[in-house]
Amino acid sequence: MRSMPLVNASGTEARDVGTRGPLASVLSRAAAFFGLWLLLTDAAPADLVPGLVTAVVASWISLRLMPPEQGHLRLVSLVKFLFHFLRQSIVAGTEVALLALHPRLPLRAGYIIYQPQLPPGTRSRLNAI
């Protein structure tokens, strides 16, 4: 259900401050997908064109699955969520530390060396990481 549009003093429709147009949504999603592509490929020049194509396709799919909403970000809700997330992270980390340091828990920490069997060409790229 759509609400009645707001009209300002000059008689034109007022636009909500928190509302973004569809073009802004497309551009922000495409920029996010392309940025992720650049991070994953180390911004290699040969990967820029496939990255742009992938970002456009991913943006189109994203808009089909989750159309842009006419709304705004609720700052109070975001702050509440961040505090909840921080609290739960501390509780979970403390619980894991207590379990790992418990004297009756038979943990045998150590390292396992594993050599993956990869096709030629991928090994040199993995060694660079």
C-alpha atoms as a PDB file:
ATOM      1  CA  MET A   1       0.000   0.000   0.000  1.00  0.00           C
ATOM      2  CA  ARG A   2       1.413   3.394  -0.998  1.00  0.00           C
ATOM      3  CA  SER A   3       0.984   6.423   1.165  1.00  0.00           C
ATOM      4  CA  MET A   4      -0.096   9.819  -0.107  1.00  0.00           C
ATOM      5  CA  PRO A   5       2.796  11.846  -1.524  1.00  0.00           C
ATOM      6  CA  LEU A   6       4.018  14.782   0.534  1.00  0.00           C
ATOM      7  CA  VAL A   7       3.581  18.173  -1.112  1.00  0.00           C
ATOM      8  CA  ASN A   8       5.769  21.137  -0.185  1.00  0.00           C
ATOM      9  CA  ALA A   9       4.772  24.817  -0.063  1.00  0.00           C
ATOM     10  CA  SER A  10       5.335  25.368  -3.802  1.00  0.00           C
ATOM     11  CA  GLY A  11       2.879  22.585  -4.662  1.00  0.00           C
ATOM     12  CA  THR A  12       5.465  20.121  -5.955  1.00  0.00           C
ATOM     13  CA  GLU A  13       5.936  16.664  -4.530  1.00  0.00           C
ATOM     14  CA  ALA A  14       8.488  16.613  -1.715  1.00  0.00           C
ATOM     15  CA  ARG A  15      11.022  13.838  -1.782  1.00  0.00           C
ATOM     16  CA  ASP A  16      11.856  11.959   1.411  1.00  0.00           C
ATOM     17  CA  VAL A  17      15.414  12.677   2.531  1.00  0.00           C
ATOM     18  CA  GLY A  18      16.226   9.008   3.156  1.00  0.00           C
ATOM     19  CA  THR A  19      14.811   7.763  -0.137  1.00  0.00           C
ATOM     20  CA  ARG A  20      17.158   6.894  -2.963  1.00  0.00           C
ATOM     21  CA  GLY A  21      16.111   6.679  -6.560  1.00  0.00           C
ATOM     22  CA  PRO A  22      16.413   3.491  -8.595  1.00  0.00           C
ATOM     23  CA  LEU A  23      19.486   4.798 -10.415  1.00  0.00           C
ATOM     24  CA  ALA A  24      21.302   5.406  -7.129  1.00  0.00           C
ATOM     25  CA  SER A  25      20.430   1.885  -6.023  1.00  0.00           C
ATOM     26  CA  VAL A  26      21.733   0.386  -9.267  1.00  0.00           C
ATOM     27  CA  LEU A  27      24.964   2.382  -9.115  1.00  0.00           C
ATOM     28  CA  SER A  28      25.647   1.624  -5.463  1.00  0.00           C
ATOM     29  CA  ARG A  29      25.074  -2.095  -5.950  1.00  0.00           C
ATOM     30  CA  ALA A  30      27.199  -2.186  -9.115  1.00  0.00           C
ATOM     31  CA  ALA A  31      29.994  -0.304  -7.339  1.00  0.00           C
ATOM     32  CA  ALA A  32      29.854  -2.727  -4.410  1.00  0.00           C
ATOM     33  CA  PHE A  33      29.977  -5.786  -6.684  1.00  0.00           C
ATOM     34  CA  PHE A  34      32.795  -4.317  -8.773  1.00  0.00           C
ATOM     35  CA  GLY A  35      34.723  -3.419  -5.618  1.00  0.00           C
ATOM     36  CA  LEU A  36      34.365  -6.996  -4.405  1.00  0.00           C
ATOM     37  CA  TRP A  37      35.587  -8.217  -7.796  1.00  0.00           C
ATOM     38  CA  LEU A  38      38.643  -5.971  -7.547  1.00  0.00           C
ATOM     39  CA  LEU A  39      39.426  -7.296  -4.077  1.00  0.00           C
ATOM     40  CA  LEU A  40      39.145 -10.903  -5.207  1.00  0.00           C
ATOM     41  CA  THR A  41      41.275 -10.456  -8.339  1.00  0.00           C
ATOM     42  CA  ASP A  42      43.887  -8.067  -6.898  1.00  0.00           C
ATOM     43  CA  ALA A  43      42.702  -5.458  -9.439  1.00  0.00           C
ATOM     44  CA  ALA A  44      44.488  -7.195 -12.300  1.00  0.00           C
ATOM     45  CA  PRO A  45      44.074  -5.177 -15.527  1.00  0.00           C
ATOM     46  CA  ALA A  46      43.094  -8.275 -17.506  1.00  0.00           C
ATOM     47  CA  ASP A  47      40.176  -8.865 -15.139  1.00  0.00           C
ATOM     48  CA  LEU A  48      38.596  -5.386 -15.346  1.00  0.00           C
ATOM     49  CA  VAL A  49      36.273  -6.032 -18.323  1.00  0.00           C
ATOM     50  CA  PRO A  50      34.971  -9.366 -16.976  1.00  0.00           C
ATOM     51  CA  GLY A  51      34.588  -7.630 -13.620  1.00  0.00           C
ATOM     52  CA  LEU A  52      32.431  -4.868 -15.093  1.00  0.00           C
ATOM     53  CA  VAL A  53      30.249  -7.400 -16.901  1.00  0.00           C
ATOM     54  CA  THR A  54      29.928  -9.467 -13.732  1.00  0.00           C
ATOM     55  CA  ALA A  55      29.057  -6.394 -11.660  1.00  0.00           C
ATOM     56  CA  VAL A  56      26.303  -5.387 -14.108  1.00  0.00           C
ATOM     57  CA  VAL A  57      24.821  -8.893 -14.192  1.00  0.00           C
ATOM     58  CA  ALA A  58      25.058  -9.249 -10.402  1.00  0.00           C
ATOM     59  CA  SER A  59      23.369  -5.860  -9.955  1.00  0.00           C
ATOM     60  CA  TRP A  60      20.548  -6.831 -12.296  1.00  0.00           C
ATOM     61  CA  ILE A  61      20.017 -10.129 -10.443  1.00  0.00           C
ATOM     62  CA  SER A  62      20.209  -8.316  -7.113  1.00  0.00           C
ATOM     63  CA  LEU A  63      17.550  -5.820  -8.180  1.00  0.00           C
ATOM     64  CA  ARG A  64      15.289  -8.622  -9.434  1.00  0.00           C
ATOM     65  CA  LEU A  65      15.602 -10.533  -6.157  1.00  0.00           C
ATOM     66  CA  MET A  66      15.522  -7.505  -3.835  1.00  0.00           C
ATOM     67  CA  PRO A  67      14.033  -4.365  -5.375  1.00  0.00           C
ATOM     68  CA  PRO A  68      15.029  -1.017  -3.868  1.00  0.00           C
ATOM     69  CA  GLU A  69      12.853   0.016  -0.963  1.00  0.00           C
ATOM     70  CA  GLN A  70      11.348   3.421  -0.416  1.00  0.00           C
ATOM     71  CA  GLY A  71      12.582   3.949   3.093  1.00  0.00           C
ATOM     72  CA  HIS A  72      15.434   5.083   5.186  1.00  0.00           C
ATOM     73  CA  LEU A  73      17.977   3.646   7.555  1.00  0.00           C
ATOM     74  CA  ARG A  74      16.922   3.740  11.193  1.00  0.00           C
ATOM     75  CA  LEU A  75      19.972   4.911  13.077  1.00  0.00           C
ATOM     76  CA  VAL A  76      18.663   3.920  16.521  1.00  0.00           C
ATOM     77  CA  SER A  77      17.952   0.364  15.333  1.00  0.00           C
ATOM     78  CA  LEU A  78      21.397   0.139  13.760  1.00  0.00           C
ATOM     79  CA  VAL A  79      23.102   1.254  16.979  1.00  0.00           C
ATOM     80  CA  LYS A  80      21.031  -1.257  19.004  1.00  0.00           C
ATOM     81  CA  PHE A  81      22.031  -4.035  16.614  1.00  0.00           C
ATOM     82  CA  LEU A  82      25.713  -3.080  16.780  1.00  0.00           C
ATOM     83  CA  PHE A  83      25.672  -3.163  20.593  1.00  0.00           C
ATOM     84  CA  HIS A  84      23.857  -6.520  20.535  1.00  0.00           C
ATOM     85  CA  PHE A  85      26.371  -7.897  18.025  1.00  0.00           C
ATOM     86  CA  LEU A  86      29.333  -6.670  20.073  1.00  0.00           C
ATOM     87  CA  ARG A  87      27.901  -8.121  23.287  1.00  0.00           C
ATOM     88  CA  GLN A  88      27.202 -11.499  21.693  1.00  0.00           C
ATOM     89  CA  SER A  89      30.691 -11.582  20.148  1.00  0.00           C
ATOM     90  CA  ILE A  90      32.290 -11.002  23.539  1.00  0.00           C
ATOM     91  CA  VAL A  91      30.077 -13.634  25.218  1.00  0.00           C
ATOM     92  CA  ALA A  92      30.817 -16.216  22.504  1.00  0.00           C
ATOM     93  CA  GLY A  93      34.560 -15.490  22.511  1.00  0.00           C
ATOM     94  CA  THR A  94      34.714 -15.786  26.277  1.00  0.00           C
ATOM     95  CA  GLU A  95      32.833 -19.069  26.186  1.00  0.00           C
ATOM     96  CA  VAL A  96      35.187 -20.524  23.579  1.00  0.00           C
ATOM     97  CA  ALA A  97      38.233 -19.353  25.556  1.00  0.00           C
ATOM     98  CA  LEU A  98      36.902 -20.930  28.765  1.00  0.00           C
ATOM     99  CA  LEU A  99      36.225 -24.211  26.987  1.00  0.00           C
ATOM    100  CA  ALA A 100      39.654 -24.221  25.364  1.00  0.00           C
ATOM    101  CA  LEU A 101      41.426 -23.480  28.664  1.00  0.00           C
ATOM    102  CA  HIS A 102      39.383 -25.923  30.765  1.00  0.00           C
ATOM    103  CA  PRO A 103      41.813 -28.348  32.491  1.00  0.00           C
ATOM    104  CA  ARG A 104      39.672 -31.464  31.898  1.00  0.00           C
ATOM    105  CA  LEU A 105      39.170 -30.818  28.187  1.00  0.00           C
ATOM    106  CA  PRO A 106      41.744 -32.964  26.345  1.00  0.00           C
ATOM    107  CA  LEU A 107      42.851 -30.552  23.633  1.00  0.00           C
ATOM    108  CA  ARG A 108      45.999 -31.420  21.762  1.00  0.00           C
ATOM    109  CA  ALA A 109      46.941 -28.286  19.869  1.00  0.00           C
ATOM    110  CA  GLY A 110      49.367 -28.587  17.009  1.00  0.00           C
ATOM    111  CA  TYR A 111      49.938 -28.055  13.323  1.00  0.00           C
ATOM    112  CA  ILE A 112      49.091 -30.326  10.429  1.00  0.00           C
ATOM    113  CA  ILE A 113      50.963 -29.799   7.183  1.00  0.00           C
ATOM    114  CA  TYR A 114      48.749 -30.414   4.177  1.00  0.00           C
ATOM    115  CA  GLN A 115      49.955 -30.234   0.581  1.00  0.00           C
ATOM    116  CA  PRO A 116      46.976 -29.869  -1.765  1.00  0.00           C
ATOM    117  CA  GLN A 117      47.187 -31.485  -5.170  1.00  0.00           C
ATOM    118  CA  LEU A 118      46.294 -28.655  -7.523  1.00  0.00           C
ATOM    119  CA  PRO A 119      46.506 -28.453 -11.299  1.00  0.00           C
ATOM    120  CA  PRO A 120      49.585 -26.700 -12.750  1.00  0.00           C
ATOM    121  CA  GLY A 121      49.400 -22.919 -12.733  1.00  0.00           C
ATOM    122  CA  THR A 122      47.322 -22.442  -9.592  1.00  0.00           C
ATOM    123  CA  ARG A 123      50.112 -23.352  -7.187  1.00  0.00           C
ATOM    124  CA  SER A 124      52.190 -20.243  -7.955  1.00  0.00           C
ATOM    125  CA  ARG A 125      49.200 -17.955  -7.398  1.00  0.00           C
ATOM    126  CA  LEU A 126      48.421 -19.631  -4.065  1.00  0.00           C
ATOM    127  CA  ASN A 127      52.021 -19.260  -2.920  1.00  0.00           C
ATOM    128  CA  ALA A 128      51.762 -15.505  -3.526  1.00  0.00           C
ATOM    129  CA  ILE A 129      48.965 -15.344  -0.955  1.00  0.00           C
END
